[in-house]
Amino acid sequence: MAIRVGIPRALLYYRFYPLWKTFFTELGAEVIVSEPTTQEIFRKGLKKFIGDTCLPMKLVFGHVITLADKVDYLFIPRLVSIEKDTYLCPHFAGLPDVLRAIMPDLPPILDTYFNVRKKGVTMRSIYEAGKRFDKNPRRIYLAYQKAQEVYKKFLERIRDGITPQEAIQAFDGEEVPPVKERKERLNIALVGNPYTVYDPFSSLNIIQKLRKLEARIYTSEMIPDETIEEGIRALSKRIYWTFGKETVGAAFHYLDSKEIDGLIYIISFECGPDSLLKEIVDDKARKNKKVAYMSLVIDEHTGETGIDTRLDAFVEMIKRRRRSKKMEGEKNGK
């Protein structure tokens, strides 16, 4: 029987799941993912952990609990840095230790250390994790190489115009409608931390709501890295948080884009960096009013009805702008 590895459907699952799953399956493991977030999963997590932290971090505890009796190992990577000039949220680095302290009866945790700022550390940690499944260093190396190849294709699919949610569905063999076949009349960019934007529970299913409003979704992941860097170049100081830099760079790019009708910035309440970066994006949006802009601050108490009302009003505002622009063009043409 294959060794079972549990991956919580939370946090950076929405960015790295294809990489992680491929690595473990290439080594002969069976990967089990927790179910999509529900109110019940959230409540289970709160019974074990209540603290002053963001909703996405609270959710991971519920996902871990639902996996605990189904797997031999839990994969909770110790994420410090995934690019040389930035860091991830400190909560990611300490998460394996917090889980062990709060729930000592959990299955063994694979806390693979990702820190590209320290040469060789990440690969050594990957070898340590791989040795649980295969003692051969070459096979571990080849498994990770294969995982990187699959991950590269995953990112390419997103750059072709589908959301990370849809790219994960396609990776798992589900059918995803081609972008060209969709009936989409509005172009709306959606930015924010991936674990906030793409979890349907924490984002109140905003992507599906926008789809029903006939919007094509643009995300941060669809933009090349060099475009992100170009977007933040004018800032007086560098942003040292990976997803903060990505969010601001993407927001600046979309706010200057002629293709985008509206931009929505989703922020998780109690996230310190987000509260600061929001002011930067807000200021940019006030100065450039060509693209409609709205920010949504979300936590576990946010009401879905209120979000629906705001989205409807936002889309209606965009449609009015389009009609006004069209009428002005016709008038000038005469």
Protein backbone atom coordinates (compact mmCIF):
# COMPACT_ATOMS: atom_id res chain seq x y z
CA MET A 1 0.00 0.00 0.00
CA ALA A 2 1.34 3.43 -0.97
CA ILE A 3 2.30 5.91 1.72
CA ARG A 4 -0.39 8.57 1.99
CA VAL A 5 0.61 12.24 2.08
CA GLY A 6 -1.98 14.84 3.06
CA ILE A 7 -1.95 18.32 1.51
CA PRO A 8 -4.33 20.88 3.08
CA ARG A 9 -6.40 22.77 0.52
CA ALA A 10 -5.28 26.06 1.99
CA LEU A 11 -2.55 28.71 1.88
CA LEU A 12 -0.09 28.07 -0.96
CA TYR A 13 -1.92 25.01 -2.19
CA TYR A 14 -3.37 27.51 -4.67
CA ARG A 15 0.07 28.32 -6.03
CA PHE A 16 2.19 25.16 -5.69
CA TYR A 17 -0.14 22.15 -5.55
CA PRO A 18 0.87 20.71 -8.97
CA LEU A 19 4.56 20.93 -7.98
CA TRP A 20 4.04 19.23 -4.63
CA LYS A 21 1.68 16.52 -5.85
CA THR A 22 3.90 15.57 -8.78
CA PHE A 23 6.96 15.27 -6.54
CA PHE A 24 5.28 12.88 -4.11
CA THR A 25 3.47 10.79 -6.73
CA GLU A 26 6.71 10.40 -8.71
CA LEU A 27 8.18 8.83 -5.55
CA GLY A 28 5.27 6.41 -5.29
CA ALA A 29 3.20 8.18 -2.64
CA GLU A 30 -0.55 8.69 -2.72
CA VAL A 31 -1.52 12.34 -2.33
CA ILE A 32 -4.74 13.13 -0.48
CA VAL A 33 -6.09 16.68 -0.53
CA SER A 34 -8.62 17.99 1.97
CA GLU A 35 -12.07 18.93 0.75
CA PRO A 36 -12.88 22.50 -0.36
CA THR A 37 -13.29 24.84 2.59
CA THR A 38 -16.67 24.76 4.30
CA GLN A 39 -18.12 26.41 7.39
CA GLU A 40 -17.66 23.10 9.21
CA ILE A 41 -13.96 22.94 8.35
CA PHE A 42 -13.56 26.51 9.55
CA ARG A 43 -15.33 25.74 12.86
CA LYS A 44 -13.15 22.68 13.46
CA GLY A 45 -10.06 24.82 13.09
CA LEU A 46 -11.34 27.53 15.43
CA LYS A 47 -11.85 24.96 18.20
CA LYS A 48 -8.10 24.37 18.16
CA PHE A 49 -6.81 27.80 17.31
CA ILE A 50 -8.11 31.28 18.02
CA GLY A 51 -5.69 34.13 17.50
CA ASP A 52 -5.11 37.50 15.94
CA THR A 53 -4.31 36.34 12.45
CA CYS A 54 -5.90 36.40 9.02
CA LEU A 55 -8.74 34.16 7.88
CA PRO A 56 -6.60 32.04 5.47
CA MET A 57 -4.23 31.13 8.31
CA LYS A 58 -7.18 30.17 10.53
CA LEU A 59 -8.59 27.94 7.78
CA VAL A 60 -5.50 25.75 7.52
CA PHE A 61 -6.12 24.33 11.01
CA GLY A 62 -9.51 22.98 9.99
CA HIS A 63 -8.05 21.42 6.85
CA VAL A 64 -5.30 19.73 8.86
CA ILE A 65 -7.85 18.27 11.27
CA THR A 66 -9.93 16.78 8.43
CA LEU A 67 -6.82 15.10 6.98
CA ALA A 68 -5.24 13.85 10.21
CA ASP A 69 -6.89 10.40 10.36
CA LYS A 70 -6.62 9.76 6.60
CA VAL A 71 -2.88 10.06 5.96
CA ASP A 72 0.53 8.81 7.08
CA TYR A 73 2.21 12.21 6.69
CA LEU A 74 1.05 15.81 6.55
CA PHE A 75 2.87 18.09 4.14
CA ILE A 76 3.22 21.48 5.83
CA PRO A 77 6.23 23.16 4.21
CA ARG A 78 8.27 25.71 6.15
CA LEU A 79 8.07 28.57 3.65
CA VAL A 80 10.50 31.44 4.13
CA SER A 81 11.44 32.70 0.67
CA ILE A 82 10.63 31.59 -2.88
CA GLU A 83 12.65 34.29 -4.62
CA LYS A 84 15.98 35.82 -3.66
CA ASP A 85 14.91 39.39 -2.88
CA THR A 86 11.67 38.86 -0.94
CA TYR A 87 10.15 36.97 1.98
CA LEU A 88 6.84 35.23 2.62
CA CYS A 89 4.58 35.87 5.61
CA PRO A 90 6.37 34.83 8.86
CA HIS A 91 3.34 32.73 9.81
CA PHE A 92 4.30 30.29 7.03
CA ALA A 93 7.73 29.65 8.52
CA GLY A 94 6.38 28.86 11.97
CA LEU A 95 3.25 26.95 10.95
CA PRO A 96 4.69 23.40 11.33
CA ASP A 97 5.83 24.20 14.88
CA VAL A 98 2.51 25.80 15.83
CA LEU A 99 0.59 22.76 14.56
CA ARG A 100 2.83 20.37 16.50
CA ALA A 101 2.39 22.42 19.68
CA ILE A 102 -1.38 22.74 19.44
CA MET A 103 -2.10 19.24 18.09
CA PRO A 104 0.68 16.86 19.26
CA ASP A 105 -1.25 13.78 18.09
CA LEU A 106 -1.04 14.71 14.41
CA PRO A 107 0.67 12.37 11.93
CA PRO A 108 4.35 13.20 11.25
CA ILE A 109 4.71 16.57 9.51
CA LEU A 110 6.92 16.95 6.45
CA ASP A 111 8.10 20.51 7.03
CA THR A 112 10.20 20.89 3.87
CA TYR A 113 12.20 24.10 4.15
CA PHE A 114 11.86 26.48 1.20
CA ASN A 115 14.33 29.36 1.42
CA VAL A 116 16.05 30.36 -1.82
CA ARG A 117 17.94 33.11 0.01
CA LYS A 118 20.20 30.41 1.47
CA LYS A 119 22.07 28.47 -1.19
CA GLY A 120 21.42 24.73 -1.22
CA VAL A 121 19.03 24.74 1.75
CA THR A 122 15.89 24.03 -0.26
CA MET A 123 17.35 21.09 -2.21
CA ARG A 124 18.77 19.51 0.96
CA SER A 125 15.36 19.76 2.56
CA ILE A 126 13.71 18.25 -0.52
CA TYR A 127 16.11 15.30 -0.34
CA GLU A 128 15.26 14.84 3.34
CA ALA A 129 11.54 14.73 2.51
CA GLY A 130 12.07 12.41 -0.45
CA LYS A 131 14.04 9.91 1.62
CA ARG A 132 10.81 9.00 3.43
CA PHE A 133 9.61 7.43 0.18
CA ASP A 134 12.74 6.46 -1.75
CA LYS A 135 16.33 6.21 -0.49
CA ASN A 136 17.83 6.74 -3.95
CA PRO A 137 19.08 10.37 -4.27
CA ARG A 138 18.95 10.21 -8.06
CA ARG A 139 15.28 9.23 -8.10
CA ILE A 140 14.49 12.00 -5.63
CA TYR A 141 16.29 14.48 -7.87
CA LEU A 142 14.46 13.23 -10.99
CA ALA A 143 11.11 13.41 -9.15
CA TYR A 144 11.73 17.05 -8.31
CA GLN A 145 12.86 17.81 -11.85
CA LYS A 146 9.64 16.27 -13.15
CA ALA A 147 7.65 18.30 -10.62
CA GLN A 148 9.28 21.50 -11.84
CA GLU A 149 8.47 20.65 -15.47
CA VAL A 150 4.82 20.05 -14.59
CA TYR A 151 4.72 23.26 -12.57
CA LYS A 152 6.13 25.24 -15.48
CA LYS A 153 3.31 23.96 -17.72
CA PHE A 154 0.82 24.82 -14.99
CA LEU A 155 2.02 28.43 -14.97
CA GLU A 156 1.94 28.55 -18.78
CA ARG A 157 -1.74 27.57 -18.75
CA ILE A 158 -2.47 30.44 -16.38
CA ARG A 159 -0.57 32.86 -18.62
CA ASP A 160 -2.84 31.68 -21.46
CA GLY A 161 -5.80 33.21 -19.63
CA ILE A 162 -7.31 30.75 -17.14
CA THR A 163 -7.39 31.33 -13.39
CA PRO A 164 -5.19 29.32 -10.99
CA GLN A 165 -8.36 27.61 -9.75
CA GLU A 166 -9.10 26.42 -13.28
CA ALA A 167 -5.47 25.47 -13.92
CA ILE A 168 -5.57 23.21 -10.85
CA GLN A 169 -8.80 21.65 -12.08
CA ALA A 170 -7.18 20.99 -15.46
CA PHE A 171 -4.11 19.51 -13.73
CA ASP A 172 -6.39 17.08 -11.86
CA GLY A 173 -8.06 16.03 -15.12
CA GLU A 174 -11.23 18.12 -14.95
CA GLU A 175 -12.56 19.79 -18.08
CA VAL A 176 -12.06 23.55 -18.24
CA PRO A 177 -13.85 25.57 -20.97
CA PRO A 178 -11.43 27.26 -23.39
CA VAL A 179 -11.18 31.00 -22.90
CA LYS A 180 -12.17 31.72 -26.52
CA GLU A 181 -15.48 29.85 -26.14
CA ARG A 182 -16.70 31.85 -23.17
CA LYS A 183 -19.28 34.60 -23.46
CA GLU A 184 -17.56 37.34 -21.48
CA ARG A 185 -18.40 41.00 -21.94
CA LEU A 186 -16.38 42.65 -19.19
CA ASN A 187 -12.68 42.47 -18.34
CA ILE A 188 -12.09 42.54 -14.60
CA ALA A 189 -8.73 42.11 -12.87
CA LEU A 190 -8.71 40.38 -9.50
CA VAL A 191 -5.63 40.85 -7.29
CA GLY A 192 -4.65 39.85 -3.77
CA ASN A 193 -2.88 37.03 -1.96
CA PRO A 194 -3.61 33.73 -3.76
CA TYR A 195 -4.78 32.01 -0.57
CA THR A 196 -7.38 34.75 -0.12
CA VAL A 197 -8.52 35.18 -3.72
CA TYR A 198 -8.77 31.55 -4.84
CA ASP A 199 -10.27 29.85 -1.79
CA PRO A 200 -14.03 30.05 -2.51
CA PHE A 201 -14.83 30.27 1.22
CA SER A 202 -12.47 33.12 2.10
CA SER A 203 -13.28 35.06 -1.09
CA LEU A 204 -17.03 34.31 -0.86
CA ASN A 205 -16.77 32.62 -4.26
CA ILE A 206 -16.05 35.90 -5.99
CA ILE A 207 -14.70 34.33 -9.19
CA GLN A 208 -17.92 32.42 -9.85
CA LYS A 209 -19.98 35.49 -9.00
CA LEU A 210 -18.05 37.54 -11.57
CA ARG A 211 -18.42 34.76 -14.15
CA LYS A 212 -22.19 34.93 -13.72
CA LEU A 213 -21.94 38.67 -14.33
CA GLU A 214 -20.26 37.85 -17.67
CA ALA A 215 -16.79 38.98 -16.64
CA ARG A 216 -13.49 37.64 -17.89
CA ILE A 217 -11.07 37.36 -14.97
CA TYR A 218 -7.49 38.61 -15.11
CA THR A 219 -5.13 37.70 -12.25
CA SER A 220 -1.64 38.54 -10.99
CA GLU A 221 -0.36 35.14 -12.16
CA MET A 222 -1.19 35.99 -15.78
CA ILE A 223 1.43 38.74 -15.80
CA PRO A 224 5.13 38.03 -16.50
CA ASP A 225 7.58 38.71 -13.66
CA GLU A 226 9.26 41.51 -15.57
CA THR A 227 5.91 43.30 -15.92
CA ILE A 228 5.37 43.05 -12.15
CA GLU A 229 8.82 44.55 -11.57
CA GLU A 230 8.10 47.32 -14.05
CA GLY A 231 4.86 48.13 -12.27
CA ILE A 232 6.53 48.77 -8.90
CA ARG A 233 9.66 50.48 -10.22
CA ALA A 234 8.29 53.95 -9.50
CA LEU A 235 7.84 53.23 -5.77
CA SER A 236 10.29 55.00 -3.46
CA LYS A 237 10.98 51.80 -1.50
CA ARG A 238 11.09 48.14 -2.50
CA ILE A 239 8.36 45.77 -1.32
CA TYR A 240 9.96 42.82 0.48
CA TRP A 241 6.88 40.59 0.66
CA THR A 242 6.56 38.24 -2.34
CA PHE A 243 2.81 38.41 -2.75
CA GLY A 244 2.63 42.05 -1.74
CA LYS A 245 5.06 42.92 -4.51
CA GLU A 246 3.11 40.75 -6.93
CA THR A 247 -0.23 42.28 -5.95
CA VAL A 248 0.91 45.90 -6.20
CA GLY A 249 2.82 45.31 -9.45
CA ALA A 250 -0.21 43.61 -11.01
CA ALA A 251 -2.60 46.29 -9.74
CA PHE A 252 -0.44 49.08 -11.18
CA HIS A 253 -0.23 47.24 -14.51
CA TYR A 254 -3.97 46.67 -14.74
CA LEU A 255 -4.85 50.20 -13.65
CA ASP A 256 -2.80 51.47 -16.61
CA SER A 257 -4.20 48.90 -19.03
CA LYS A 258 -6.57 49.84 -21.85
CA GLU A 259 -8.03 46.32 -21.88
CA ILE A 260 -9.26 46.26 -18.27
CA ASP A 261 -12.67 47.66 -17.29
CA GLY A 262 -12.31 47.21 -13.54
CA LEU A 263 -9.92 46.13 -10.79
CA ILE A 264 -10.90 44.43 -7.52
CA TYR A 265 -8.35 44.16 -4.72
CA ILE A 266 -9.25 41.50 -2.11
CA ILE A 267 -7.66 41.97 1.30
CA SER A 268 -7.79 39.71 4.33
CA PHE A 269 -8.62 41.53 7.53
CA GLU A 270 -5.79 41.52 10.14
CA CYS A 271 -3.08 41.21 7.48
CA GLY A 272 -0.60 43.99 8.36
CA PRO A 273 1.25 44.20 5.02
CA ASP A 274 -2.05 44.21 3.09
CA SER A 275 -3.37 47.14 5.10
CA LEU A 276 -0.32 49.19 4.11
CA LEU A 277 -0.21 48.09 0.48
CA LYS A 278 -3.90 48.86 0.08
CA GLU A 279 -3.11 52.55 0.65
CA ILE A 280 -0.56 52.44 -2.19
CA VAL A 281 -3.03 50.84 -4.60
CA ASP A 282 -5.85 53.13 -3.48
CA ASP A 283 -3.68 56.16 -4.22
CA LYS A 284 -2.82 54.87 -7.69
CA ALA A 285 -6.50 54.20 -8.42
CA ARG A 286 -7.49 57.72 -7.34
CA LYS A 287 -4.94 59.24 -9.71
CA ASN A 288 -5.89 57.00 -12.64
CA LYS A 289 -9.66 56.89 -12.94
CA LYS A 290 -9.81 55.21 -16.34
CA VAL A 291 -10.23 51.80 -14.70
CA ALA A 292 -13.02 51.27 -12.15
CA TYR A 293 -11.61 50.23 -8.79
CA MET A 294 -12.97 48.52 -5.69
CA SER A 295 -11.31 46.96 -2.63
CA LEU A 296 -12.91 44.26 -0.49
CA VAL A 297 -11.70 43.62 3.06
CA ILE A 298 -12.81 40.13 4.08
CA ASP A 299 -12.87 38.09 7.28
CA GLU A 300 -15.04 35.30 8.71
CA HIS A 301 -17.80 37.80 9.57
CA THR A 302 -18.15 39.28 6.08
CA GLY A 303 -21.67 38.85 4.75
CA GLU A 304 -22.16 37.33 1.32
CA THR A 305 -25.24 39.44 0.58
CA GLY A 306 -23.26 42.63 1.07
CA ILE A 307 -20.54 41.42 -1.29
CA ASP A 308 -23.15 40.50 -3.91
CA THR A 309 -24.66 43.97 -3.71
CA ARG A 310 -21.27 45.65 -4.09
CA LEU A 311 -20.31 43.46 -7.05
CA ASP A 312 -23.62 44.18 -8.80
CA ALA A 313 -23.12 47.91 -8.28
CA PHE A 314 -19.49 47.71 -9.45
CA VAL A 315 -20.41 45.89 -12.66
CA GLU A 316 -23.30 48.29 -13.31
CA MET A 317 -20.92 51.24 -12.90
CA ILE A 318 -18.58 49.70 -15.49
CA LYS A 319 -21.46 49.20 -17.93
CA ARG A 320 -22.56 52.82 -17.49
CA ARG A 321 -19.03 54.00 -18.16
CA ARG A 322 -18.96 51.95 -21.34
CA ARG A 323 -22.29 53.35 -22.51
CA SER A 324 -21.19 56.90 -21.73
CA LYS A 325 -17.91 56.40 -23.58
CA LYS A 326 -19.72 54.94 -26.56
CA MET A 327 -22.18 57.85 -26.69
CA GLU A 328 -19.33 60.34 -26.44
CA GLY A 329 -17.51 58.60 -29.29
CA GLU A 330 -20.62 58.67 -31.47
CA LYS A 331 -21.15 62.34 -30.69
CA ASN A 332 -17.58 63.25 -31.58
CA GLY A 333 -17.83 61.14 -34.72
CA LYS A 334 -20.73 63.22 -35.91
